[in-house]
Amino acid sequence: MVDATPRSAIADQFIPGRYGVAGNPGVTISEVRDRTLVHLAADPAIADSVKSTTGLDLPTHAGGVGVGDGQRLCWLGPDQWLLKTAPAPFGEWEQRLAEEAPAGAYNDVTHGRTTLRLSGVNVRDILAKGCPLDLHPAAFSSGQCAQSLLGHLNVLLDCIAEDVFEVTVTRSYGADLFEWLREAAAEYGFEIST
């Protein structure tokens, strides 16, 4: 019988421990697995419906993030967002959103994405090695997100706190993202944590 249990895209490479330069790690890398991700595509006029369903304000400006009750709603474009919420059965959020705002398109992309959380004093230095965005805290602060390049990968950067970022990539590039981050973090020392 086939085992249909979801499996991490980087399970084989993700070995907890300290790597790179000795001493205090400049960054800790962990994989975010306990989450549902839903892509929303609709006219911004659905803002009230989204708020009544999720409790979050629909961000309508570039880089905006709606935050509340352990959920995040990231602006991806003028009519697209990514909802990050607590784990739920596949399709549950699609159905809830479609019932409240039937004019939109909602897709559960949980199993099609890999998200890594980076935290530590050197997180911005590491990301800056491969990202063309200005990552200085004055330009990219907590509560902002952006789709950009990281190395050769298209990613979503979500600034959770000053020294905490989540980097989301399509699942097929999860191992590439992880390897790129390991190489970029080696000079600062890094810890892989579950």
C-alpha atoms as a PDB file:
ATOM      1  CA  MET A   1       0.000   0.000   0.000  1.00  0.00           C
ATOM      2  CA  VAL A   2       1.205   3.491  -0.833  1.00  0.00           C
ATOM      3  CA  ASP A   3       1.966   5.813   2.086  1.00  0.00           C
ATOM      4  CA  ALA A   4       0.213   9.106   1.264  1.00  0.00           C
ATOM      5  CA  THR A   5       1.396  10.901   4.401  1.00  0.00           C
ATOM      6  CA  PRO A   6       2.859  14.310   3.457  1.00  0.00           C
ATOM      7  CA  ARG A   7       6.659  14.288   3.594  1.00  0.00           C
ATOM      8  CA  SER A   8       9.060  17.187   3.753  1.00  0.00           C
ATOM      9  CA  ALA A   9      10.891  18.016   0.527  1.00  0.00           C
ATOM     10  CA  ILE A  10      14.127  18.340   2.512  1.00  0.00           C
ATOM     11  CA  ALA A  11      13.712  15.531   5.050  1.00  0.00           C
ATOM     12  CA  ASP A  12      16.840  13.703   3.911  1.00  0.00           C
ATOM     13  CA  GLN A  13      19.071  16.815   4.063  1.00  0.00           C
ATOM     14  CA  PHE A  14      17.580  18.362   7.214  1.00  0.00           C
ATOM     15  CA  ILE A  15      19.904  17.007   9.912  1.00  0.00           C
ATOM     16  CA  PRO A  16      19.782  18.963  13.206  1.00  0.00           C
ATOM     17  CA  GLY A  17      23.101  20.266  14.503  1.00  0.00           C
ATOM     18  CA  ARG A  18      25.605  23.124  14.311  1.00  0.00           C
ATOM     19  CA  TYR A  19      27.552  23.767  11.134  1.00  0.00           C
ATOM     20  CA  GLY A  20      29.973  26.263   9.616  1.00  0.00           C
ATOM     21  CA  VAL A  21      32.181  28.493  11.753  1.00  0.00           C
ATOM     22  CA  ALA A  22      32.428  27.459  15.412  1.00  0.00           C
ATOM     23  CA  GLY A  23      30.892  29.624  18.127  1.00  0.00           C
ATOM     24  CA  ASN A  24      27.440  31.064  18.521  1.00  0.00           C
ATOM     25  CA  PRO A  25      25.456  30.480  15.351  1.00  0.00           C
ATOM     26  CA  GLY A  26      24.624  33.583  13.337  1.00  0.00           C
ATOM     27  CA  VAL A  27      21.375  32.022  12.203  1.00  0.00           C
ATOM     28  CA  THR A  28      19.087  29.146  13.073  1.00  0.00           C
ATOM     29  CA  ILE A  29      17.283  27.399  10.233  1.00  0.00           C
ATOM     30  CA  SER A  30      14.088  25.444  10.849  1.00  0.00           C
ATOM     31  CA  GLU A  31      11.403  24.099   8.559  1.00  0.00           C
ATOM     32  CA  VAL A  32       7.829  25.315   9.031  1.00  0.00           C
ATOM     33  CA  ARG A  33       5.595  22.279   8.648  1.00  0.00           C
ATOM     34  CA  ASP A  34       2.579  22.905  10.882  1.00  0.00           C
ATOM     35  CA  ARG A  35       0.700  25.266   8.616  1.00  0.00           C
ATOM     36  CA  THR A  36      -1.884  25.474   5.865  1.00  0.00           C
ATOM     37  CA  LEU A  37      -1.139  27.726   2.882  1.00  0.00           C
ATOM     38  CA  VAL A  38      -3.937  28.992   0.653  1.00  0.00           C
ATOM     39  CA  HIS A  39      -3.459  31.108  -2.467  1.00  0.00           C
ATOM     40  CA  LEU A  40      -6.227  33.694  -2.990  1.00  0.00           C
ATOM     41  CA  ALA A  41      -6.914  35.392  -6.326  1.00  0.00           C
ATOM     42  CA  ALA A  42      -9.771  37.880  -6.434  1.00  0.00           C
ATOM     43  CA  ASP A  43     -10.795  41.476  -6.724  1.00  0.00           C
ATOM     44  CA  PRO A  44      -9.808  43.420  -3.570  1.00  0.00           C
ATOM     45  CA  ALA A  45     -13.534  44.067  -3.099  1.00  0.00           C
ATOM     46  CA  ILE A  46     -13.655  40.728  -1.243  1.00  0.00           C
ATOM     47  CA  ALA A  47     -11.833  42.351   1.702  1.00  0.00           C
ATOM     48  CA  ASP A  48     -14.868  42.260   4.000  1.00  0.00           C
ATOM     49  CA  SER A  49     -15.583  38.620   3.163  1.00  0.00           C
ATOM     50  CA  VAL A  50     -11.964  37.645   3.796  1.00  0.00           C
ATOM     51  CA  LYS A  51     -11.997  39.498   7.113  1.00  0.00           C
ATOM     52  CA  SER A  52     -15.196  37.762   8.234  1.00  0.00           C
ATOM     53  CA  THR A  53     -13.698  34.360   7.320  1.00  0.00           C
ATOM     54  CA  THR A  54     -10.109  34.786   8.540  1.00  0.00           C
ATOM     55  CA  GLY A  55     -10.274  37.728  10.930  1.00  0.00           C
ATOM     56  CA  LEU A  56      -7.493  39.388   8.913  1.00  0.00           C
ATOM     57  CA  ASP A  57      -7.441  42.644   7.019  1.00  0.00           C
ATOM     58  CA  LEU A  58      -6.732  42.116   3.334  1.00  0.00           C
ATOM     59  CA  PRO A  59      -3.497  44.001   2.557  1.00  0.00           C
ATOM     60  CA  THR A  60      -3.988  46.194  -0.506  1.00  0.00           C
ATOM     61  CA  HIS A  61      -0.498  47.672  -0.872  1.00  0.00           C
ATOM     62  CA  ALA A  62       2.750  46.124  -2.087  1.00  0.00           C
ATOM     63  CA  GLY A  63       4.505  44.192   0.653  1.00  0.00           C
ATOM     64  CA  GLY A  64       1.617  44.396   3.087  1.00  0.00           C
ATOM     65  CA  VAL A  65       0.872  41.615   5.555  1.00  0.00           C
ATOM     66  CA  GLY A  66      -2.331  41.149   7.532  1.00  0.00           C
ATOM     67  CA  VAL A  67      -1.454  39.646  10.918  1.00  0.00           C
ATOM     68  CA  GLY A  68      -3.585  38.262  13.724  1.00  0.00           C
ATOM     69  CA  ASP A  69      -4.393  35.236  15.837  1.00  0.00           C
ATOM     70  CA  GLY A  70      -1.416  33.214  14.589  1.00  0.00           C
ATOM     71  CA  GLN A  71      -2.291  33.841  10.939  1.00  0.00           C
ATOM     72  CA  ARG A  72      -0.654  35.905   8.217  1.00  0.00           C
ATOM     73  CA  LEU A  73      -2.050  37.134   4.899  1.00  0.00           C
ATOM     74  CA  CYS A  74       0.737  38.166   2.521  1.00  0.00           C
ATOM     75  CA  TRP A  75       0.229  40.497  -0.452  1.00  0.00           C
ATOM     76  CA  LEU A  76       1.528  38.870  -3.650  1.00  0.00           C
ATOM     77  CA  GLY A  77       0.097  41.261  -6.226  1.00  0.00           C
ATOM     78  CA  PRO A  78      -2.836  43.639  -6.797  1.00  0.00           C
ATOM     79  CA  ASP A  79      -5.282  40.718  -6.782  1.00  0.00           C
ATOM     80  CA  GLN A  80      -3.341  37.866  -5.118  1.00  0.00           C
ATOM     81  CA  TRP A  81      -2.513  36.884  -1.546  1.00  0.00           C
ATOM     82  CA  LEU A  82      -1.125  33.953   0.417  1.00  0.00           C
ATOM     83  CA  LEU A  83      -2.904  32.938   3.607  1.00  0.00           C
ATOM     84  CA  LYS A  84      -0.715  31.238   6.220  1.00  0.00           C
ATOM     85  CA  THR A  85      -2.866  29.651   8.895  1.00  0.00           C
ATOM     86  CA  ALA A  86      -3.051  26.782  11.382  1.00  0.00           C
ATOM     87  CA  PRO A  87      -3.113  23.239  10.014  1.00  0.00           C
ATOM     88  CA  ALA A  88      -6.499  22.231   8.626  1.00  0.00           C
ATOM     89  CA  PRO A  89      -7.811  19.353   6.528  1.00  0.00           C
ATOM     90  CA  PHE A  90      -6.936  19.772   2.852  1.00  0.00           C
ATOM     91  CA  GLY A  91      -9.456  22.016   1.103  1.00  0.00           C
ATOM     92  CA  GLU A  92     -11.206  23.252   4.254  1.00  0.00           C
ATOM     93  CA  TRP A  93     -10.018  26.846   3.855  1.00  0.00           C
ATOM     94  CA  GLU A  94     -10.808  26.815   0.125  1.00  0.00           C
ATOM     95  CA  GLN A  95     -14.378  25.857   0.919  1.00  0.00           C
ATOM     96  CA  ARG A  96     -14.782  28.412   3.715  1.00  0.00           C
ATOM     97  CA  LEU A  97     -13.451  31.245   1.565  1.00  0.00           C
ATOM     98  CA  ALA A  98     -15.495  30.199  -1.494  1.00  0.00           C
ATOM     99  CA  GLU A  99     -18.694  30.125   0.556  1.00  0.00           C
ATOM    100  CA  GLU A 100     -18.057  33.647   1.864  1.00  0.00           C
ATOM    101  CA  ALA A 101     -16.664  35.166  -1.365  1.00  0.00           C
ATOM    102  CA  PRO A 102     -17.605  32.971  -4.361  1.00  0.00           C
ATOM    103  CA  ALA A 103     -16.145  35.397  -6.925  1.00  0.00           C
ATOM    104  CA  GLY A 104     -12.578  34.542  -5.916  1.00  0.00           C
ATOM    105  CA  ALA A 105     -10.306  31.608  -6.684  1.00  0.00           C
ATOM    106  CA  TYR A 106      -8.790  29.758  -3.703  1.00  0.00           C
ATOM    107  CA  ASN A 107      -6.207  27.004  -3.886  1.00  0.00           C
ATOM    108  CA  ASP A 108      -4.664  25.035  -1.033  1.00  0.00           C
ATOM    109  CA  VAL A 109      -0.952  25.031  -1.906  1.00  0.00           C
ATOM    110  CA  THR A 110       0.300  23.601   1.386  1.00  0.00           C
ATOM    111  CA  HIS A 111       1.852  20.488  -0.118  1.00  0.00           C
ATOM    112  CA  GLY A 112       3.339  22.413  -3.026  1.00  0.00           C
ATOM    113  CA  ARG A 113       5.528  24.725  -0.936  1.00  0.00           C
ATOM    114  CA  THR A 114       8.527  24.513   1.387  1.00  0.00           C
ATOM    115  CA  THR A 115       8.961  27.196   4.045  1.00  0.00           C
ATOM    116  CA  LEU A 116      12.131  27.727   6.038  1.00  0.00           C
ATOM    117  CA  ARG A 117      12.319  30.021   9.065  1.00  0.00           C
ATOM    118  CA  LEU A 118      15.612  31.834   9.599  1.00  0.00           C
ATOM    119  CA  SER A 119      16.321  33.599  12.866  1.00  0.00           C
ATOM    120  CA  GLY A 120      19.432  35.198  14.281  1.00  0.00           C
ATOM    121  CA  VAL A 121      21.668  38.232  14.191  1.00  0.00           C
ATOM    122  CA  ASN A 122      23.048  37.464  10.698  1.00  0.00           C
ATOM    123  CA  VAL A 123      19.803  36.566   8.961  1.00  0.00           C
ATOM    124  CA  ARG A 124      19.743  39.749   6.846  1.00  0.00           C
ATOM    125  CA  ASP A 125      23.440  39.382   5.925  1.00  0.00           C
ATOM    126  CA  ILE A 126      22.803  35.850   4.691  1.00  0.00           C
ATOM    127  CA  LEU A 127      19.724  36.774   2.663  1.00  0.00           C
ATOM    128  CA  ALA A 128      21.497  39.822   1.189  1.00  0.00           C
ATOM    129  CA  LYS A 129      24.057  37.508  -0.437  1.00  0.00           C
ATOM    130  CA  GLY A 130      21.498  36.441  -3.015  1.00  0.00           C
ATOM    131  CA  CYS A 131      18.593  38.888  -2.830  1.00  0.00           C
ATOM    132  CA  PRO A 132      18.471  42.167  -4.790  1.00  0.00           C
ATOM    133  CA  LEU A 133      16.116  43.837  -2.280  1.00  0.00           C
ATOM    134  CA  ASP A 134      17.250  46.330   0.332  1.00  0.00           C
ATOM    135  CA  LEU A 135      16.956  44.206   3.483  1.00  0.00           C
ATOM    136  CA  HIS A 136      17.988  46.896   5.969  1.00  0.00           C
ATOM    137  CA  PRO A 137      15.414  47.045   8.805  1.00  0.00           C
ATOM    138  CA  ALA A 138      14.538  50.621   7.822  1.00  0.00           C
ATOM    139  CA  ALA A 139      13.552  49.427   4.335  1.00  0.00           C
ATOM    140  CA  PHE A 140      12.218  45.926   5.052  1.00  0.00           C
ATOM    141  CA  SER A 141      10.706  45.736   8.494  1.00  0.00           C
ATOM    142  CA  SER A 142       8.592  43.349  10.503  1.00  0.00           C
ATOM    143  CA  GLY A 143       5.181  42.894   8.933  1.00  0.00           C
ATOM    144  CA  GLN A 144       6.382  43.227   5.341  1.00  0.00           C
ATOM    145  CA  CYS A 145       6.762  40.631   2.606  1.00  0.00           C
ATOM    146  CA  ALA A 146       8.060  40.527  -0.944  1.00  0.00           C
ATOM    147  CA  GLN A 147       8.410  38.090  -3.786  1.00  0.00           C
ATOM    148  CA  SER A 148      11.965  38.205  -5.058  1.00  0.00           C
ATOM    149  CA  LEU A 149      14.974  36.190  -6.079  1.00  0.00           C
ATOM    150  CA  LEU A 150      17.224  34.436  -3.604  1.00  0.00           C
ATOM    151  CA  GLY A 151      20.178  33.124  -5.516  1.00  0.00           C
ATOM    152  CA  HIS A 152      18.486  31.681  -8.604  1.00  0.00           C
ATOM    153  CA  LEU A 153      15.196  30.866  -6.856  1.00  0.00           C
ATOM    154  CA  ASN A 154      11.879  32.711  -6.859  1.00  0.00           C
ATOM    155  CA  VAL A 155      10.857  33.046  -3.210  1.00  0.00           C
ATOM    156  CA  LEU A 156       8.457  34.819  -0.899  1.00  0.00           C
ATOM    157  CA  LEU A 157      10.286  36.610   1.918  1.00  0.00           C
ATOM    158  CA  ASP A 158       8.112  37.323   4.958  1.00  0.00           C
ATOM    159  CA  CYS A 159       9.671  39.410   7.740  1.00  0.00           C
ATOM    160  CA  ILE A 160       8.197  38.063  10.979  1.00  0.00           C
ATOM    161  CA  ALA A 161      10.412  40.124  13.320  1.00  0.00           C
ATOM    162  CA  GLU A 162      13.605  42.152  12.949  1.00  0.00           C
ATOM    163  CA  ASP A 163      15.844  39.077  12.953  1.00  0.00           C
ATOM    164  CA  VAL A 164      13.290  36.476  11.807  1.00  0.00           C
ATOM    165  CA  PHE A 165      12.304  35.727   8.209  1.00  0.00           C
ATOM    166  CA  GLU A 166      10.289  32.987   6.573  1.00  0.00           C
ATOM    167  CA  VAL A 167      11.354  32.019   3.065  1.00  0.00           C
ATOM    168  CA  THR A 168       8.802  30.106   0.975  1.00  0.00           C
ATOM    169  CA  VAL A 169       9.594  28.400  -2.313  1.00  0.00           C
ATOM    170  CA  THR A 170       7.830  25.857  -4.496  1.00  0.00           C
ATOM    171  CA  ARG A 171       8.357  22.373  -3.100  1.00  0.00           C
ATOM    172  CA  SER A 172      10.434  21.165  -6.032  1.00  0.00           C
ATOM    173  CA  TYR A 173      13.057  23.796  -5.153  1.00  0.00           C
ATOM    174  CA  GLY A 174      13.019  23.151  -1.399  1.00  0.00           C
ATOM    175  CA  ALA A 175      16.295  21.214  -1.421  1.00  0.00           C
ATOM    176  CA  ASP A 176      17.952  23.888  -3.593  1.00  0.00           C
ATOM    177  CA  LEU A 177      16.848  26.618  -1.190  1.00  0.00           C
ATOM    178  CA  PHE A 178      18.105  24.677   1.807  1.00  0.00           C
ATOM    179  CA  GLU A 179      21.502  24.035   0.192  1.00  0.00           C
ATOM    180  CA  TRP A 180      21.855  27.678  -0.871  1.00  0.00           C
ATOM    181  CA  LEU A 181      21.108  28.851   2.681  1.00  0.00           C
ATOM    182  CA  ARG A 182      23.601  26.356   4.171  1.00  0.00           C
ATOM    183  CA  GLU A 183      26.371  27.663   1.925  1.00  0.00           C
ATOM    184  CA  ALA A 184      25.476  31.322   2.521  1.00  0.00           C
ATOM    185  CA  ALA A 185      25.324  30.826   6.312  1.00  0.00           C
ATOM    186  CA  ALA A 186      28.549  28.835   6.716  1.00  0.00           C
ATOM    187  CA  GLU A 187      30.760  31.882   7.347  1.00  0.00           C
ATOM    188  CA  TYR A 188      28.539  32.971  10.259  1.00  0.00           C
ATOM    189  CA  GLY A 189      27.925  29.520  11.664  1.00  0.00           C
ATOM    190  CA  PHE A 190      24.397  28.127  11.657  1.00  0.00           C
ATOM    191  CA  GLU A 191      22.199  25.732  13.517  1.00  0.00           C
ATOM    192  CA  ILE A 192      19.600  23.443  11.997  1.00  0.00           C
ATOM    193  CA  SER A 193      16.738  23.015  14.399  1.00  0.00           C
ATOM    194  CA  THR A 194      13.558  20.941  14.250  1.00  0.00           C
END
